[in-house]
Amino acid sequence: MLEGLDEINWSQLHHAFGNASEVPNWIRDLLSEDKRIRENAIYKLSENLLHQGTVYEASYCALPFLIELLKSTIIPDKAEIAMLLADMGNNLGSARYELLETEDSISRTTLNKRNKYAEAIRLSVNQELHMLYPYLFHEVFYVRTVIAHALQAFPEKSQEIVPLLEKALETESDENTKDTIQDSIRILSSSN
């Protein structure tokens, strides 16, 4: 498991707060038996790889390992990983908006690189999107909300997603989550 993690020169990559040398340790910590260590790891990964809707080169390099962990049968707290992947895949709209708002303060090269990473991440998550579908029915409402919201970023799969959202809406008990599901259905249905 996690083969190739140490073959990446993480110290040469960057995340929201600089050098990404700690990223492989955080990824490994998701395998810990200690719940507090896992919680800290997912917090650090979320904060650094997807900071305020923006992704980075380290985010792109971490993505295959996060997908591998989500596919694993031995990983606890998979919902946390699913939410991070969903948010990373949904980054394109908010990341572009944020970057355009700050375009004057960052170089055009940086803007182009971030957009390339954002699109590459979205495409990678799109290929594994089916892994997120079961979390529309997770026992914790905010997991369902995050997944339902993130699915809006994949209009090319609307014919596959909308029926799942409609099914999730039938059993949803949380009002805010219902609103999110309905918004996603509306957005995806209008994209056809």
C-alpha atoms as a PDB file:
ATOM      1  CA  MET A   1       0.000   0.000   0.000  1.00  0.00           C
ATOM      2  CA  LEU A   2       1.099   3.553  -0.826  1.00  0.00           C
ATOM      3  CA  GLU A   3       3.836   2.310  -3.133  1.00  0.00           C
ATOM      4  CA  GLY A   4       5.647   5.189  -4.749  1.00  0.00           C
ATOM      5  CA  LEU A   5       4.825   7.650  -1.982  1.00  0.00           C
ATOM      6  CA  ASP A   6       8.494   8.097  -1.140  1.00  0.00           C
ATOM      7  CA  GLU A   7       9.555   8.291  -4.772  1.00  0.00           C
ATOM      8  CA  ILE A   8       8.055  11.760  -5.048  1.00  0.00           C
ATOM      9  CA  ASN A   9      10.335  14.618  -4.084  1.00  0.00           C
ATOM     10  CA  TRP A  10       7.767  16.261  -1.807  1.00  0.00           C
ATOM     11  CA  SER A  11      10.224  18.897  -0.585  1.00  0.00           C
ATOM     12  CA  GLN A  12      10.271  20.317  -4.125  1.00  0.00           C
ATOM     13  CA  LEU A  13       6.459  20.564  -4.209  1.00  0.00           C
ATOM     14  CA  HIS A  14       4.290  23.204  -2.624  1.00  0.00           C
ATOM     15  CA  HIS A  15       0.922  23.382  -0.930  1.00  0.00           C
ATOM     16  CA  ALA A  16      -0.959  26.331   0.555  1.00  0.00           C
ATOM     17  CA  PHE A  17       1.651  27.067   3.186  1.00  0.00           C
ATOM     18  CA  GLY A  18       4.888  26.210   1.402  1.00  0.00           C
ATOM     19  CA  ASN A  19       7.050  23.101   1.209  1.00  0.00           C
ATOM     20  CA  ALA A  20       5.066  19.836   0.997  1.00  0.00           C
ATOM     21  CA  SER A  21       7.601  17.583   2.724  1.00  0.00           C
ATOM     22  CA  GLU A  22       5.101  16.653   5.475  1.00  0.00           C
ATOM     23  CA  VAL A  23       2.405  15.453   3.062  1.00  0.00           C
ATOM     24  CA  PRO A  24       3.567  11.793   2.895  1.00  0.00           C
ATOM     25  CA  ASN A  25       3.600  11.605   6.690  1.00  0.00           C
ATOM     26  CA  TRP A  26       0.040  12.922   6.842  1.00  0.00           C
ATOM     27  CA  ILE A  27      -1.043  10.408   4.200  1.00  0.00           C
ATOM     28  CA  ARG A  28       0.545   7.559   6.189  1.00  0.00           C
ATOM     29  CA  ASP A  29      -1.113   8.852   9.349  1.00  0.00           C
ATOM     30  CA  LEU A  30      -4.484   8.074   7.763  1.00  0.00           C
ATOM     31  CA  LEU A  31      -3.554   4.421   8.357  1.00  0.00           C
ATOM     32  CA  SER A  32      -2.983   4.932  12.089  1.00  0.00           C
ATOM     33  CA  GLU A  33      -4.952   2.967  14.652  1.00  0.00           C
ATOM     34  CA  ASP A  34      -5.158   6.147  16.742  1.00  0.00           C
ATOM     35  CA  LYS A  35      -8.262   8.138  15.801  1.00  0.00           C
ATOM     36  CA  ARG A  36      -6.694  11.435  16.946  1.00  0.00           C
ATOM     37  CA  ILE A  37      -3.733  10.916  14.614  1.00  0.00           C
ATOM     38  CA  ARG A  38      -6.086  10.179  11.707  1.00  0.00           C
ATOM     39  CA  GLU A  39      -8.200  13.246  12.507  1.00  0.00           C
ATOM     40  CA  ASN A  40      -5.114  15.455  12.641  1.00  0.00           C
ATOM     41  CA  ALA A  41      -3.863  14.014   9.347  1.00  0.00           C
ATOM     42  CA  ILE A  42      -7.103  14.662   7.462  1.00  0.00           C
ATOM     43  CA  TYR A  43      -7.246  18.181   8.923  1.00  0.00           C
ATOM     44  CA  LYS A  44      -3.672  18.906   7.803  1.00  0.00           C
ATOM     45  CA  LEU A  45      -4.263  17.437   4.360  1.00  0.00           C
ATOM     46  CA  SER A  46      -7.495  19.396   3.914  1.00  0.00           C
ATOM     47  CA  GLU A  47      -6.007  22.654   5.134  1.00  0.00           C
ATOM     48  CA  ASN A  48      -2.833  22.393   3.064  1.00  0.00           C
ATOM     49  CA  LEU A  49      -3.937  20.639  -0.123  1.00  0.00           C
ATOM     50  CA  LEU A  50      -7.261  22.427  -0.545  1.00  0.00           C
ATOM     51  CA  HIS A  51      -6.931  25.779   1.136  1.00  0.00           C
ATOM     52  CA  GLN A  52      -9.950  28.036   0.599  1.00  0.00           C
ATOM     53  CA  GLY A  53     -10.913  26.192  -2.571  1.00  0.00           C
ATOM     54  CA  THR A  54      -7.480  26.312  -4.188  1.00  0.00           C
ATOM     55  CA  VAL A  55      -5.395  23.260  -5.076  1.00  0.00           C
ATOM     56  CA  TYR A  56      -1.666  23.016  -5.596  1.00  0.00           C
ATOM     57  CA  GLU A  57       0.949  20.781  -7.211  1.00  0.00           C
ATOM     58  CA  ALA A  58       1.189  18.791  -3.969  1.00  0.00           C
ATOM     59  CA  SER A  59      -2.584  18.283  -4.126  1.00  0.00           C
ATOM     60  CA  TYR A  60      -2.244  16.713  -7.541  1.00  0.00           C
ATOM     61  CA  CYS A  61       0.600  14.440  -6.415  1.00  0.00           C
ATOM     62  CA  ALA A  62      -1.275  13.360  -3.268  1.00  0.00           C
ATOM     63  CA  LEU A  63      -4.470  12.530  -5.152  1.00  0.00           C
ATOM     64  CA  PRO A  64      -3.588   8.987  -6.319  1.00  0.00           C
ATOM     65  CA  PHE A  65      -2.662   7.984  -2.766  1.00  0.00           C
ATOM     66  CA  LEU A  66      -5.909   9.380  -1.368  1.00  0.00           C
ATOM     67  CA  ILE A  67      -7.840   7.473  -4.029  1.00  0.00           C
ATOM     68  CA  GLU A  68      -5.914   4.313  -3.136  1.00  0.00           C
ATOM     69  CA  LEU A  69      -6.829   4.759   0.539  1.00  0.00           C
ATOM     70  CA  LEU A  70     -10.495   5.309  -0.301  1.00  0.00           C
ATOM     71  CA  LYS A  71     -10.481   2.068  -2.317  1.00  0.00           C
ATOM     72  CA  SER A  72      -8.838   0.139   0.517  1.00  0.00           C
ATOM     73  CA  THR A  73     -10.861  -2.167   2.733  1.00  0.00           C
ATOM     74  CA  ILE A  74      -8.674  -1.572   5.797  1.00  0.00           C
ATOM     75  CA  ILE A  75      -8.974   2.197   6.139  1.00  0.00           C
ATOM     76  CA  PRO A  76     -11.118   3.680   8.915  1.00  0.00           C
ATOM     77  CA  ASP A  77     -12.661   7.146   8.473  1.00  0.00           C
ATOM     78  CA  LYS A  78     -13.111   6.724   4.742  1.00  0.00           C
ATOM     79  CA  ALA A  79     -15.865   9.333   4.752  1.00  0.00           C
ATOM     80  CA  GLU A  80     -13.294  11.997   5.634  1.00  0.00           C
ATOM     81  CA  ILE A  81     -11.156  10.952   2.674  1.00  0.00           C
ATOM     82  CA  ALA A  82     -14.230  10.868   0.415  1.00  0.00           C
ATOM     83  CA  MET A  83     -15.135  14.422   1.426  1.00  0.00           C
ATOM     84  CA  LEU A  84     -11.590  15.649   0.759  1.00  0.00           C
ATOM     85  CA  LEU A  85     -11.569  14.007  -2.675  1.00  0.00           C
ATOM     86  CA  ALA A  86     -15.022  15.416  -3.451  1.00  0.00           C
ATOM     87  CA  ASP A  87     -13.936  18.913  -2.481  1.00  0.00           C
ATOM     88  CA  MET A  88     -10.708  18.588  -4.444  1.00  0.00           C
ATOM     89  CA  GLY A  89     -12.698  17.512  -7.503  1.00  0.00           C
ATOM     90  CA  ASN A  90     -15.083  20.406  -6.994  1.00  0.00           C
ATOM     91  CA  ASN A  91     -12.228  22.902  -6.785  1.00  0.00           C
ATOM     92  CA  LEU A  92     -12.358  24.185 -10.319  1.00  0.00           C
ATOM     93  CA  GLY A  93     -15.136  26.731  -9.940  1.00  0.00           C
ATOM     94  CA  SER A  94     -14.083  28.208  -6.614  1.00  0.00           C
ATOM     95  CA  ALA A  95     -10.378  28.001  -7.412  1.00  0.00           C
ATOM     96  CA  ARG A  96     -10.802  29.856 -10.682  1.00  0.00           C
ATOM     97  CA  TYR A  97     -12.990  32.481  -9.023  1.00  0.00           C
ATOM     98  CA  GLU A  98     -10.484  33.025  -6.236  1.00  0.00           C
ATOM     99  CA  LEU A  99      -7.574  33.168  -8.658  1.00  0.00           C
ATOM    100  CA  LEU A 100      -9.307  35.630 -10.935  1.00  0.00           C
ATOM    101  CA  GLU A 101     -10.104  37.831  -7.938  1.00  0.00           C
ATOM    102  CA  THR A 102      -6.419  37.896  -6.983  1.00  0.00           C
ATOM    103  CA  GLU A 103      -4.952  37.845 -10.476  1.00  0.00           C
ATOM    104  CA  ASP A 104      -3.258  41.209 -10.005  1.00  0.00           C
ATOM    105  CA  SER A 105      -1.308  39.922  -7.017  1.00  0.00           C
ATOM    106  CA  ILE A 106      -0.048  36.656  -8.525  1.00  0.00           C
ATOM    107  CA  SER A 107       1.825  35.970 -11.710  1.00  0.00           C
ATOM    108  CA  ARG A 108       0.099  34.775 -14.866  1.00  0.00           C
ATOM    109  CA  THR A 109       2.347  31.668 -14.735  1.00  0.00           C
ATOM    110  CA  THR A 110       1.119  30.811 -11.243  1.00  0.00           C
ATOM    111  CA  LEU A 111      -2.469  31.326 -12.344  1.00  0.00           C
ATOM    112  CA  ASN A 112      -2.030  29.006 -15.332  1.00  0.00           C
ATOM    113  CA  LYS A 113      -0.283  26.335 -13.256  1.00  0.00           C
ATOM    114  CA  ARG A 114      -3.030  26.346 -10.621  1.00  0.00           C
ATOM    115  CA  ASN A 115      -5.726  26.089 -13.252  1.00  0.00           C
ATOM    116  CA  LYS A 116      -3.915  23.133 -14.836  1.00  0.00           C
ATOM    117  CA  TYR A 117      -3.678  21.364 -11.483  1.00  0.00           C
ATOM    118  CA  ALA A 118      -7.323  22.145 -10.762  1.00  0.00           C
ATOM    119  CA  GLU A 119      -8.472  20.675 -14.068  1.00  0.00           C
ATOM    120  CA  ALA A 120      -6.203  17.614 -13.760  1.00  0.00           C
ATOM    121  CA  ILE A 121      -7.541  16.925 -10.268  1.00  0.00           C
ATOM    122  CA  ARG A 122     -11.137  17.339 -11.399  1.00  0.00           C
ATOM    123  CA  LEU A 123     -10.572  14.878 -14.252  1.00  0.00           C
ATOM    124  CA  SER A 124      -8.914  12.337 -11.930  1.00  0.00           C
ATOM    125  CA  VAL A 125     -11.759  12.558  -9.416  1.00  0.00           C
ATOM    126  CA  ASN A 126     -14.233  12.300 -12.300  1.00  0.00           C
ATOM    127  CA  GLN A 127     -12.726   8.915 -13.241  1.00  0.00           C
ATOM    128  CA  GLU A 128     -13.311   7.646  -9.702  1.00  0.00           C
ATOM    129  CA  LEU A 129     -16.576   9.488  -9.050  1.00  0.00           C
ATOM    130  CA  HIS A 130     -18.492   6.247  -8.521  1.00  0.00           C
ATOM    131  CA  MET A 131     -16.568   5.791  -5.252  1.00  0.00           C
ATOM    132  CA  LEU A 132     -18.256   8.906  -3.856  1.00  0.00           C
ATOM    133  CA  TYR A 133     -21.837   7.881  -4.636  1.00  0.00           C
ATOM    134  CA  PRO A 134     -22.353   5.660  -1.544  1.00  0.00           C
ATOM    135  CA  TYR A 135     -21.569   8.657   0.668  1.00  0.00           C
ATOM    136  CA  LEU A 136     -24.807  10.303  -0.487  1.00  0.00           C
ATOM    137  CA  PHE A 137     -26.387   7.805   1.919  1.00  0.00           C
ATOM    138  CA  HIS A 138     -23.872   8.089   4.766  1.00  0.00           C
ATOM    139  CA  GLU A 139     -25.227   8.171   8.325  1.00  0.00           C
ATOM    140  CA  VAL A 140     -23.696  11.606   9.002  1.00  0.00           C
ATOM    141  CA  PHE A 141     -25.594  14.442   7.356  1.00  0.00           C
ATOM    142  CA  TYR A 142     -22.647  16.720   6.631  1.00  0.00           C
ATOM    143  CA  VAL A 143     -20.934  13.918   4.698  1.00  0.00           C
ATOM    144  CA  ARG A 144     -24.047  13.660   2.533  1.00  0.00           C
ATOM    145  CA  THR A 145     -24.091  17.443   2.124  1.00  0.00           C
ATOM    146  CA  VAL A 146     -20.459  17.698   1.032  1.00  0.00           C
ATOM    147  CA  ILE A 147     -20.813  14.902  -1.499  1.00  0.00           C
ATOM    148  CA  ALA A 148     -24.098  16.219  -2.912  1.00  0.00           C
ATOM    149  CA  HIS A 149     -22.616  19.692  -3.304  1.00  0.00           C
ATOM    150  CA  ALA A 150     -19.403  18.449  -4.921  1.00  0.00           C
ATOM    151  CA  LEU A 151     -21.287  16.428  -7.532  1.00  0.00           C
ATOM    152  CA  GLN A 152     -22.439  19.720  -9.086  1.00  0.00           C
ATOM    153  CA  ALA A 153     -18.949  20.024 -10.590  1.00  0.00           C
ATOM    154  CA  PHE A 154     -19.506  17.037 -12.887  1.00  0.00           C
ATOM    155  CA  PRO A 155     -22.259  17.985 -15.347  1.00  0.00           C
ATOM    156  CA  GLU A 156     -20.854  15.550 -17.903  1.00  0.00           C
ATOM    157  CA  LYS A 157     -22.130  12.770 -15.643  1.00  0.00           C
ATOM    158  CA  SER A 158     -25.495  14.359 -14.880  1.00  0.00           C
ATOM    159  CA  GLN A 159     -27.489  11.432 -16.324  1.00  0.00           C
ATOM    160  CA  GLU A 160     -25.709   9.145 -13.872  1.00  0.00           C
ATOM    161  CA  ILE A 161     -25.724  11.522 -10.890  1.00  0.00           C
ATOM    162  CA  VAL A 162     -29.238  13.004 -10.960  1.00  0.00           C
ATOM    163  CA  PRO A 163     -31.056   9.674 -10.345  1.00  0.00           C
ATOM    164  CA  LEU A 164     -28.759   9.017  -7.369  1.00  0.00           C
ATOM    165  CA  LEU A 165     -29.455  12.475  -5.984  1.00  0.00           C
ATOM    166  CA  GLU A 166     -33.207  11.956  -6.445  1.00  0.00           C
ATOM    167  CA  LYS A 167     -32.972   8.664  -4.578  1.00  0.00           C
ATOM    168  CA  ALA A 168     -30.968  10.318  -1.792  1.00  0.00           C
ATOM    169  CA  LEU A 169     -33.548  13.115  -1.578  1.00  0.00           C
ATOM    170  CA  GLU A 170     -36.325  10.587  -0.928  1.00  0.00           C
ATOM    171  CA  THR A 171     -34.730   9.462   2.330  1.00  0.00           C
ATOM    172  CA  GLU A 172     -32.989  12.671   3.422  1.00  0.00           C
ATOM    173  CA  SER A 173     -34.053  13.958   6.837  1.00  0.00           C
ATOM    174  CA  ASP A 174     -31.767  16.983   7.236  1.00  0.00           C
ATOM    175  CA  GLU A 175     -33.297  20.147   5.772  1.00  0.00           C
ATOM    176  CA  ASN A 176     -29.998  21.790   4.777  1.00  0.00           C
ATOM    177  CA  THR A 177     -28.857  18.618   3.071  1.00  0.00           C
ATOM    178  CA  LYS A 178     -32.203  18.430   1.250  1.00  0.00           C
ATOM    179  CA  ASP A 179     -31.620  21.969  -0.013  1.00  0.00           C
ATOM    180  CA  THR A 180     -28.131  21.051  -1.212  1.00  0.00           C
ATOM    181  CA  ILE A 181     -29.390  17.939  -2.984  1.00  0.00           C
ATOM    182  CA  GLN A 182     -32.186  19.918  -4.652  1.00  0.00           C
ATOM    183  CA  ASP A 183     -29.680  22.589  -5.766  1.00  0.00           C
ATOM    184  CA  SER A 184     -27.432  19.919  -7.238  1.00  0.00           C
ATOM    185  CA  ILE A 185     -30.347  18.298  -9.064  1.00  0.00           C
ATOM    186  CA  ARG A 186     -31.399  21.676 -10.460  1.00  0.00           C
ATOM    187  CA  ILE A 187     -27.861  22.605 -11.569  1.00  0.00           C
ATOM    188  CA  LEU A 188     -27.116  19.230 -13.126  1.00  0.00           C
ATOM    189  CA  SER A 189     -30.533  18.973 -14.802  1.00  0.00           C
ATOM    190  CA  SER A 190     -30.082  22.384 -16.407  1.00  0.00           C
ATOM    191  CA  SER A 191     -26.697  21.330 -17.799  1.00  0.00           C
ATOM    192  CA  ASN A 192     -28.275  18.779 -20.168  1.00  0.00           C
END
